[in-house]
Amino acid sequence: MSVNHPNKGKQPSLAQLRAFAAVAEHLHFRDAAAAIGMSQPALSGAVSALEEALGVQLLERTTRKVLLSPAGERLAVRAKAVLDAVGELMEEAEAVRAPFTGALRLGVIPTVAPYLLPTVLRLVHDRYPELDLQVHEEQTYSLLEGLAAGRLDLLLLAVPLGVPGVTELPLFDEDFVLVTPDDHWLGGRTDIPRDALRDLHLLLLDEGHCLRDQALDICREAGRTEGAAVTTTAAGLATLVQLVAGGLGVTLLPRTAVKVETGRNTSLVTGYFAEPAPSRRVAFAMRTGAARQAEFEELAEALRGALSSLPVRVLPADAE
C-alpha cells in the first residue's frame, strides 16, 4: 500500500538547501543569514519552505537557540552533499568553458603571503588577465578546512601536509636564517651550526602558525630540550623582528621574509647556517582530482619560472 505525501512532486530549491545547510552549520539564524548573504526573514522562510516540501520538521526553534531535529541531523548531511555536487558541477563547467577565466580563490598562509604574493599577482596580471584572483590570508588549518568545504580552490603554503584528498604541487625550498640584535655573538655569521639553537632565547609566532611548528622541529633536531626558553608573544613576523631588535631574543625567518622584515631596521643582523641549512618547502595544494587540476599545474609551472629574483631553490614538478 502506498502512502501519498501531501507535497509529493514538490522539489526543494538550491536556495532552500543552502539556507538549511547554513542554519545546520551555525545553529543561529542571524549568523547563518550573514554567512550566505541572505536576510534573516528570507532565510527563515526558505527553511520553512524546505520543511514543507520535504514534509518533515528539520529544526527545533526556541526563544534561545536553534537545534536540529533528528530528521534535520540526517538531512543536513544530504543537503551538504547535494550542494557540494552542484559546486563541483559549476566548477567543471567553468573549467571546460575556458581555462584561466572566472574566479580563483587562493588561500595563502601569513608567513608566505607578503613575500610571494607580489610575484604571484604580477604573474597573473601579465599572463592571465582574465583570471579573477581572490586572495584569502589564513592559517593552515583554516585554509585546509576551506579547501575541503569548497570555499577555496587552491592553497599556497608550507608542506608536507599529509592530508588525505589533498595533492601538493611543489614550488620551491628556502632556507631559514637566524635574526639577532646587532650586538649578538652569532650576528652576521655564515657558518652557524644547528646546535647553536639549543640554548638561545628564541622568539616564535603564536600557536597555530605552521612556521612556529617548523621552527620547533628544527630546534628539536638540533638537540634543544623542551625546557629551553621559548617566548611566544608575536602574531606576525613584523612584530617578531621588532622584539628581536629590542633585545628580547633571536628568531628564525624564512629567507624570502628577510629583506622585507629586517631591511627597515639597522639594529638587526642576519646569520646564516652551515650547510645543510634548515629549510622549508612551499607548494600549491589542491583537492585531489580537482576539475581545474591541469590549470593549477600550469600555474605552478609558470610560477616556478617567475621565482628567479627570490632567494629560493626552485623545484621540478615531480619533486619528492
Protein backbone atom coordinates (compact mmCIF):
# COMPACT_ATOMS: atom_id res chain seq x y z
CA MET A 1 0.00 0.00 0.00
CA SER A 2 1.41 3.38 -0.94
CA VAL A 3 1.04 6.49 1.17
CA ASN A 4 0.56 9.74 -0.70
CA HIS A 5 2.66 12.59 0.62
CA PRO A 6 0.61 15.82 0.54
CA ASN A 7 3.55 17.66 -1.03
CA LYS A 8 4.56 14.90 -3.43
CA GLY A 9 6.01 16.44 -6.59
CA LYS A 10 7.47 19.46 -4.85
CA GLN A 11 11.22 19.75 -5.28
CA PRO A 12 13.43 21.69 -2.85
CA SER A 13 15.36 24.54 -4.42
CA LEU A 14 19.09 25.11 -4.12
CA ALA A 15 18.37 28.33 -2.22
CA GLN A 16 16.35 26.36 0.33
CA LEU A 17 19.11 23.76 0.70
CA ARG A 18 21.75 26.50 1.12
CA ALA A 19 19.65 28.19 3.79
CA PHE A 20 19.14 24.94 5.71
CA ALA A 21 22.83 23.96 5.39
CA ALA A 22 23.86 27.35 6.77
CA VAL A 23 21.50 27.05 9.74
CA ALA A 24 22.69 23.48 10.37
CA GLU A 25 26.27 24.73 10.45
CA HIS A 26 25.78 27.84 12.60
CA LEU A 27 22.66 26.86 14.64
CA HIS A 28 21.83 30.56 14.63
CA PHE A 29 19.59 32.33 12.10
CA ARG A 30 21.41 35.66 12.16
CA ASP A 31 24.85 34.11 11.74
CA ALA A 32 23.61 31.74 9.04
CA ALA A 33 21.97 34.58 7.12
CA ALA A 34 25.16 36.66 7.26
CA ALA A 35 27.25 33.70 6.10
CA ILE A 36 25.31 33.26 2.86
CA GLY A 37 24.37 36.89 2.26
CA MET A 38 20.64 36.46 2.81
CA SER A 39 18.28 38.44 5.01
CA GLN A 40 17.16 36.69 8.18
CA PRO A 41 13.43 36.67 7.22
CA ALA A 42 14.29 35.26 3.77
CA LEU A 43 16.44 32.57 5.32
CA SER A 44 13.75 31.59 7.82
CA GLY A 45 11.19 31.46 5.01
CA ALA A 46 13.47 29.30 2.86
CA VAL A 47 13.94 26.78 5.66
CA SER A 48 10.20 26.68 6.34
CA ALA A 49 9.53 26.14 2.63
CA LEU A 50 12.05 23.28 2.62
CA GLU A 51 10.33 21.67 5.60
CA GLU A 52 7.00 21.94 3.77
CA ALA A 53 8.45 20.48 0.56
CA LEU A 54 10.02 17.55 2.39
CA GLY A 55 7.17 17.03 4.81
CA VAL A 56 9.46 16.83 7.84
CA GLN A 57 10.45 19.16 10.66
CA LEU A 58 14.15 19.98 10.30
CA LEU A 59 14.62 22.38 13.20
CA GLU A 60 13.52 22.79 16.77
CA ARG A 61 13.13 26.51 17.36
CA THR A 62 13.18 28.00 20.84
CA THR A 63 13.48 31.57 22.04
CA ARG A 64 17.13 30.98 22.98
CA LYS A 65 18.60 28.71 20.33
CA VAL A 66 18.08 26.58 17.24
CA LEU A 67 18.55 22.81 17.31
CA LEU A 68 18.44 20.23 14.55
CA SER A 69 15.66 17.67 14.85
CA PRO A 70 16.61 14.02 14.35
CA ALA A 71 15.44 14.33 10.74
CA GLY A 72 17.40 17.55 10.41
CA GLU A 73 20.58 15.82 11.60
CA ARG A 74 20.24 13.20 8.86
CA LEU A 75 19.16 15.50 6.06
CA ALA A 76 21.83 18.15 6.80
CA VAL A 77 24.43 15.65 5.61
CA ARG A 78 22.47 15.03 2.41
CA ALA A 79 21.93 18.73 1.81
CA LYS A 80 25.67 19.42 2.07
CA ALA A 81 26.42 16.57 -0.35
CA VAL A 82 23.95 17.99 -2.87
CA LEU A 83 25.42 21.48 -2.58
CA ASP A 84 28.96 20.12 -2.91
CA ALA A 85 27.96 18.22 -6.03
CA VAL A 86 26.37 21.32 -7.56
CA GLY A 87 29.53 23.29 -6.76
CA GLU A 88 31.66 20.67 -8.49
CA LEU A 89 29.31 20.79 -11.49
CA MET A 90 29.72 24.56 -11.78
CA GLU A 91 33.47 24.30 -11.33
CA GLU A 92 33.70 21.65 -14.04
CA ALA A 93 31.62 23.74 -16.43
CA GLU A 94 33.78 26.80 -15.77
CA ALA A 95 36.99 24.84 -16.32
CA VAL A 96 35.72 23.36 -19.59
CA ARG A 97 34.44 26.70 -20.81
CA ALA A 98 37.81 28.44 -20.68
CA PRO A 99 40.90 27.94 -18.50
CA PHE A 100 42.26 30.89 -16.53
CA THR A 101 38.96 32.75 -16.56
CA GLY A 102 36.48 33.42 -13.79
CA ALA A 103 37.29 33.37 -10.10
CA LEU A 104 40.22 31.59 -8.49
CA ARG A 105 40.04 31.65 -4.71
CA LEU A 106 43.62 31.35 -3.49
CA GLY A 107 44.38 30.74 0.19
CA VAL A 108 47.81 31.79 1.48
CA ILE A 109 49.46 31.43 4.89
CA PRO A 110 50.62 34.67 6.60
CA THR A 111 54.32 33.69 6.53
CA VAL A 112 54.23 33.37 2.74
CA ALA A 113 51.70 35.99 1.62
CA PRO A 114 53.68 39.25 1.97
CA TYR A 115 56.81 37.84 0.35
CA LEU A 116 55.47 35.74 -2.53
CA LEU A 117 52.20 37.46 -3.44
CA PRO A 118 53.87 40.31 -5.38
CA THR A 119 55.36 37.70 -7.72
CA VAL A 120 52.06 35.78 -7.96
CA LEU A 121 49.99 38.90 -8.63
CA ARG A 122 52.41 40.17 -11.26
CA LEU A 123 52.37 36.78 -12.99
CA VAL A 124 48.57 36.60 -13.02
CA HIS A 125 48.23 40.18 -14.23
CA ASP A 126 50.69 39.71 -17.09
CA ARG A 127 49.88 36.18 -18.21
CA TYR A 128 46.29 35.53 -17.14
CA PRO A 129 44.46 38.87 -17.34
CA GLU A 130 41.01 37.22 -17.48
CA LEU A 131 41.56 35.38 -14.19
CA ASP A 132 39.79 36.90 -11.19
CA LEU A 133 42.28 36.08 -8.43
CA GLN A 134 40.75 36.36 -4.95
CA VAL A 135 43.29 36.08 -2.12
CA HIS A 136 42.46 34.84 1.39
CA GLU A 137 45.21 35.01 4.05
CA GLU A 138 44.57 32.46 6.82
CA GLN A 139 46.42 29.95 8.94
CA THR A 140 46.99 26.44 7.62
CA TYR A 141 44.17 24.67 9.48
CA SER A 142 41.63 27.24 8.26
CA LEU A 143 42.90 27.02 4.68
CA LEU A 144 42.57 23.23 4.67
CA GLU A 145 39.03 23.48 6.04
CA GLY A 146 38.22 25.99 3.30
CA LEU A 147 39.69 23.75 0.61
CA ALA A 148 37.73 20.71 1.84
CA ALA A 149 34.50 22.71 2.03
CA GLY A 150 34.92 24.20 -1.44
CA ARG A 151 35.31 27.73 -0.10
CA LEU A 152 38.84 27.87 -1.55
CA ASP A 153 40.16 26.46 -4.81
CA LEU A 154 43.93 26.45 -4.35
CA LEU A 155 46.32 26.94 -1.43
CA LEU A 156 49.84 28.37 -1.21
CA LEU A 157 51.51 27.13 1.95
CA ALA A 158 54.31 25.18 3.60
CA VAL A 159 54.33 21.41 3.11
CA PRO A 160 54.24 18.48 3.63
CA LEU A 161 50.66 18.42 4.82
CA GLY A 162 49.96 14.71 4.90
CA VAL A 163 46.24 15.30 4.41
CA PRO A 164 44.17 12.68 2.52
CA GLY A 165 42.44 14.06 -0.55
CA VAL A 166 44.91 16.92 -0.98
CA THR A 167 47.51 16.97 -3.76
CA GLU A 168 50.64 19.09 -3.38
CA LEU A 169 52.39 20.83 -6.30
CA PRO A 170 55.91 21.67 -5.02
CA LEU A 171 57.26 25.10 -5.92
CA PHE A 172 60.49 25.79 -4.00
CA ASP A 173 62.63 25.16 -0.95
CA GLU A 174 64.01 28.05 1.11
CA ASP A 175 66.48 28.20 3.98
CA PHE A 176 65.82 29.59 7.42
CA VAL A 177 68.15 32.27 8.76
CA LEU A 178 68.80 33.48 12.29
CA VAL A 179 67.86 37.10 13.03
CA THR A 180 69.60 38.67 16.02
CA PRO A 181 70.26 42.07 17.58
CA ASP A 182 73.34 43.74 16.08
CA ASP A 183 75.47 43.02 19.17
CA HIS A 184 74.68 39.30 19.33
CA TRP A 185 77.62 36.90 19.13
CA LEU A 186 76.02 34.97 16.24
CA GLY A 187 75.04 38.07 14.26
CA GLY A 188 76.43 38.16 10.72
CA ARG A 189 77.99 34.70 10.79
CA THR A 190 77.71 32.48 7.73
CA ASP A 191 78.57 29.15 9.37
CA ILE A 192 76.20 28.87 12.33
CA PRO A 193 75.93 25.25 13.48
CA ARG A 194 72.44 23.99 14.13
CA ASP A 195 73.33 23.03 17.68
CA ALA A 196 73.70 26.75 18.46
CA LEU A 197 69.92 26.74 18.73
CA ARG A 198 70.00 24.57 21.84
CA ASP A 199 70.32 27.37 24.37
CA LEU A 200 69.27 30.58 22.57
CA HIS A 201 66.38 32.66 23.88
CA LEU A 202 64.12 32.02 20.91
CA LEU A 203 61.11 34.16 19.98
CA LEU A 204 58.39 32.39 18.00
CA LEU A 205 54.99 33.07 16.49
CA ASP A 206 51.76 32.29 18.31
CA GLU A 207 50.17 28.85 18.35
CA GLY A 208 48.51 27.93 15.06
CA HIS A 209 51.24 29.23 12.74
CA CYS A 210 52.95 26.42 10.85
CA LEU A 211 56.21 28.41 10.95
CA ARG A 212 56.20 28.07 14.73
CA ASP A 213 55.92 24.29 14.42
CA GLN A 214 58.67 24.17 11.81
CA ALA A 215 60.99 26.24 14.00
CA LEU A 216 60.35 23.99 16.98
CA ASP A 217 61.06 20.92 14.84
CA ILE A 218 64.38 22.45 13.77
CA CYS A 219 65.25 23.15 17.40
CA ARG A 220 64.39 19.62 18.47
CA GLU A 221 66.58 18.24 15.67
CA ALA A 222 69.39 20.46 16.97
CA GLY A 223 69.05 18.89 20.42
CA ARG A 224 67.10 21.67 22.09
CA THR A 225 65.36 20.46 25.24
CA GLU A 226 61.72 21.08 25.99
CA GLY A 227 62.66 23.30 28.94
CA ALA A 228 64.80 25.76 26.95
CA ALA A 229 63.43 29.30 26.90
CA VAL A 230 60.83 29.96 24.19
CA THR A 231 58.77 33.13 24.38
CA THR A 232 55.61 33.30 22.29
CA THR A 233 54.39 36.85 22.04
CA ALA A 234 54.02 37.68 18.33
CA ALA A 235 51.10 37.21 15.96
CA GLY A 236 53.18 38.09 12.89
CA LEU A 237 56.76 38.23 11.65
CA ALA A 238 56.84 42.04 11.63
CA THR A 239 56.21 42.12 15.39
CA LEU A 240 58.59 39.24 15.95
CA VAL A 241 61.59 41.05 14.43
CA GLN A 242 60.79 44.20 16.39
CA LEU A 243 61.01 42.16 19.58
CA VAL A 244 64.40 40.90 18.41
CA ALA A 245 65.50 44.46 17.69
CA GLY A 246 64.50 45.35 21.23
CA GLY A 247 66.90 42.77 22.59
CA LEU A 248 64.33 40.27 23.83
CA GLY A 249 65.83 37.31 21.97
CA VAL A 250 66.50 35.90 18.50
CA THR A 251 64.23 34.33 15.88
CA LEU A 252 64.18 32.23 12.72
CA LEU A 253 62.93 33.70 9.45
CA PRO A 254 62.46 32.11 6.03
CA ARG A 255 64.84 33.80 3.57
CA THR A 256 62.04 35.28 1.48
CA ALA A 257 60.98 37.32 4.52
CA VAL A 258 64.40 38.73 5.42
CA LYS A 259 64.53 41.72 3.06
CA VAL A 260 61.02 42.90 3.93
CA GLU A 261 61.19 42.34 7.69
CA THR A 262 64.77 43.36 8.52
CA GLY A 263 65.58 45.91 5.83
CA ARG A 264 64.00 48.79 7.74
CA ASN A 265 65.90 48.26 10.98
CA THR A 266 69.66 48.74 11.25
CA SER A 267 69.74 47.17 14.71
CA LEU A 268 69.00 43.72 13.25
CA VAL A 269 71.63 41.34 11.88
CA THR A 270 71.12 38.16 9.87
CA GLY A 271 73.15 35.00 10.41
CA TYR A 272 73.27 32.01 8.06
CA PHE A 273 73.53 28.35 8.99
CA ALA A 274 76.24 26.00 7.83
CA GLU A 275 75.16 23.60 5.10
CA PRO A 276 72.81 21.85 5.04
CA ALA A 277 70.80 24.75 6.42
CA PRO A 278 67.35 24.13 7.94
CA SER A 279 64.71 24.84 5.33
CA ARG A 280 61.03 24.66 4.46
CA ARG A 281 59.18 23.68 1.29
CA VAL A 282 56.40 25.82 -0.21
CA ALA A 283 53.82 24.39 -2.60
CA PHE A 284 50.41 24.80 -4.10
CA ALA A 285 47.81 22.41 -2.69
CA MET A 286 44.54 21.43 -4.35
CA ARG A 287 41.78 18.89 -3.91
CA THR A 288 42.87 15.58 -5.42
CA GLY A 289 41.13 15.19 -8.77
CA ALA A 290 40.08 18.86 -8.92
CA ALA A 291 38.33 19.83 -12.14
CA ARG A 292 40.93 22.57 -12.68
CA GLN A 293 43.93 20.35 -11.98
CA ALA A 294 45.57 20.94 -15.38
CA GLU A 295 45.07 24.68 -14.93
CA PHE A 296 46.64 24.63 -11.46
CA GLU A 297 49.59 22.57 -12.70
CA GLU A 298 50.20 25.07 -15.48
CA LEU A 299 50.01 27.95 -12.99
CA ALA A 300 52.53 26.18 -10.74
CA GLU A 301 54.95 25.75 -13.64
CA ALA A 302 54.56 29.40 -14.63
CA LEU A 303 55.23 30.49 -11.03
CA ARG A 304 58.37 28.36 -10.83
CA GLY A 305 59.66 30.26 -13.84
CA ALA A 306 58.92 33.61 -12.16
CA LEU A 307 60.86 32.95 -8.95
CA SER A 308 64.36 33.77 -10.20
CA SER A 309 64.55 37.02 -8.22
CA LEU A 310 63.81 35.33 -4.88
CA PRO A 311 66.36 33.59 -2.61
CA VAL A 312 64.85 30.13 -3.09
CA ARG A 313 65.67 26.81 -4.76
CA VAL A 314 63.05 26.19 -7.45
CA LEU A 315 61.81 22.60 -7.60
CA PRO A 316 60.79 20.48 -10.60
CA ALA A 317 57.14 19.48 -10.88
CA ASP A 318 57.95 15.89 -9.90
CA ALA A 319 59.99 16.77 -6.79
CA GLU A 320 59.59 14.31 -3.93
